[in-house]
Amino acid sequence: MILALQENKQPDWDVYDSVTSAAIIPLTGASVADKSRPVDFPDFTKGKWGGRAKLYS
């Protein structure tokens, strides 16, 4: 991330990738506490994830 910013390039991860990865642990904990039942995963993009530009090739 820092290297990308220093080189004025787009980072591999954006804010949505960051919050998605941060949500995994608490959602896993909630699932385990409920006998490993599935939990809904929040859509941080409010439905716009399908139209996001690809950051990687």
C-alpha atoms as a PDB file:
ATOM      1  CA  MET A   1       0.000   0.000   0.000  1.00  0.00           C
ATOM      2  CA  ILE A   2       2.715   2.450   0.984  1.00  0.00           C
ATOM      3  CA  LEU A   3       4.818   1.584  -2.067  1.00  0.00           C
ATOM      4  CA  ALA A   4       1.833   2.096  -4.349  1.00  0.00           C
ATOM      5  CA  LEU A   5       1.161   5.495  -2.818  1.00  0.00           C
ATOM      6  CA  GLN A   6       4.809   6.502  -3.069  1.00  0.00           C
ATOM      7  CA  GLU A   7       4.854   5.499  -6.738  1.00  0.00           C
ATOM      8  CA  ASN A   8       1.513   7.227  -7.405  1.00  0.00           C
ATOM      9  CA  LYS A   9      -0.097   3.908  -8.374  1.00  0.00           C
ATOM     10  CA  GLN A  10      -3.446   2.487  -7.418  1.00  0.00           C
ATOM     11  CA  PRO A  11      -3.118   0.149  -4.388  1.00  0.00           C
ATOM     12  CA  ASP A  12      -4.057  -3.533  -4.730  1.00  0.00           C
ATOM     13  CA  TRP A  13      -6.730  -3.098  -2.047  1.00  0.00           C
ATOM     14  CA  ASP A  14      -9.369  -0.419  -1.687  1.00  0.00           C
ATOM     15  CA  VAL A  15     -11.440   0.605   1.316  1.00  0.00           C
ATOM     16  CA  TYR A  16     -14.089  -2.011   0.526  1.00  0.00           C
ATOM     17  CA  ASP A  17     -11.505  -4.803   0.519  1.00  0.00           C
ATOM     18  CA  SER A  18     -10.215  -3.532   3.862  1.00  0.00           C
ATOM     19  CA  VAL A  19     -13.570  -3.473   5.643  1.00  0.00           C
ATOM     20  CA  THR A  20     -14.548  -6.806   4.124  1.00  0.00           C
ATOM     21  CA  SER A  21     -11.407  -8.476   5.465  1.00  0.00           C
ATOM     22  CA  ALA A  22     -11.934  -6.830   8.863  1.00  0.00           C
ATOM     23  CA  ALA A  23     -15.503  -8.166   9.061  1.00  0.00           C
ATOM     24  CA  ILE A  24     -14.523 -11.819   8.703  1.00  0.00           C
ATOM     25  CA  ILE A  25     -13.392 -12.385  12.309  1.00  0.00           C
ATOM     26  CA  PRO A  26     -16.463 -10.964  14.105  1.00  0.00           C
ATOM     27  CA  LEU A  27     -18.822 -12.664  11.655  1.00  0.00           C
ATOM     28  CA  THR A  28     -17.022 -15.971  12.156  1.00  0.00           C
ATOM     29  CA  GLY A  29     -17.356 -15.519  15.919  1.00  0.00           C
ATOM     30  CA  ALA A  30     -21.074 -14.860  15.569  1.00  0.00           C
ATOM     31  CA  SER A  31     -21.466 -17.972  13.423  1.00  0.00           C
ATOM     32  CA  VAL A  32     -19.549 -20.191  15.849  1.00  0.00           C
ATOM     33  CA  ALA A  33     -21.522 -18.824  18.800  1.00  0.00           C
ATOM     34  CA  ASP A  34     -24.707 -19.819  16.974  1.00  0.00           C
ATOM     35  CA  LYS A  35     -23.626 -23.445  16.430  1.00  0.00           C
ATOM     36  CA  SER A  36     -21.809 -22.599  13.149  1.00  0.00           C
ATOM     37  CA  ARG A  37     -24.937 -21.386  11.437  1.00  0.00           C
ATOM     38  CA  PRO A  38     -24.399 -19.032   8.487  1.00  0.00           C
ATOM     39  CA  VAL A  39     -24.587 -15.297   9.115  1.00  0.00           C
ATOM     40  CA  ASP A  40     -25.375 -12.607   6.592  1.00  0.00           C
ATOM     41  CA  PHE A  41     -22.334 -10.819   5.243  1.00  0.00           C
ATOM     42  CA  PRO A  42     -22.808  -7.058   4.913  1.00  0.00           C
ATOM     43  CA  ASP A  43     -22.555  -5.509   1.462  1.00  0.00           C
ATOM     44  CA  PHE A  44     -20.347  -2.506   2.151  1.00  0.00           C
ATOM     45  CA  THR A  45     -20.690  -1.347  -1.479  1.00  0.00           C
ATOM     46  CA  LYS A  46     -24.493  -1.075  -1.195  1.00  0.00           C
ATOM     47  CA  GLY A  47     -24.967  -3.280  -4.256  1.00  0.00           C
ATOM     48  CA  LYS A  48     -22.334  -1.625  -6.424  1.00  0.00           C
ATOM     49  CA  TRP A  49     -19.697  -4.353  -6.044  1.00  0.00           C
ATOM     50  CA  GLY A  50     -20.479  -5.839  -9.451  1.00  0.00           C
ATOM     51  CA  GLY A  51     -19.677  -2.605 -11.255  1.00  0.00           C
ATOM     52  CA  ARG A  52     -16.405  -1.862  -9.487  1.00  0.00           C
ATOM     53  CA  ALA A  53     -13.301  -1.555 -11.621  1.00  0.00           C
ATOM     54  CA  LYS A  54     -10.943  -4.493 -11.335  1.00  0.00           C
ATOM     55  CA  LEU A  55      -7.770  -3.590  -9.496  1.00  0.00           C
ATOM     56  CA  TYR A  56      -5.874  -6.710 -10.463  1.00  0.00           C
ATOM     57  CA  SER A  57      -5.318  -8.456 -13.727  1.00  0.00           C
END
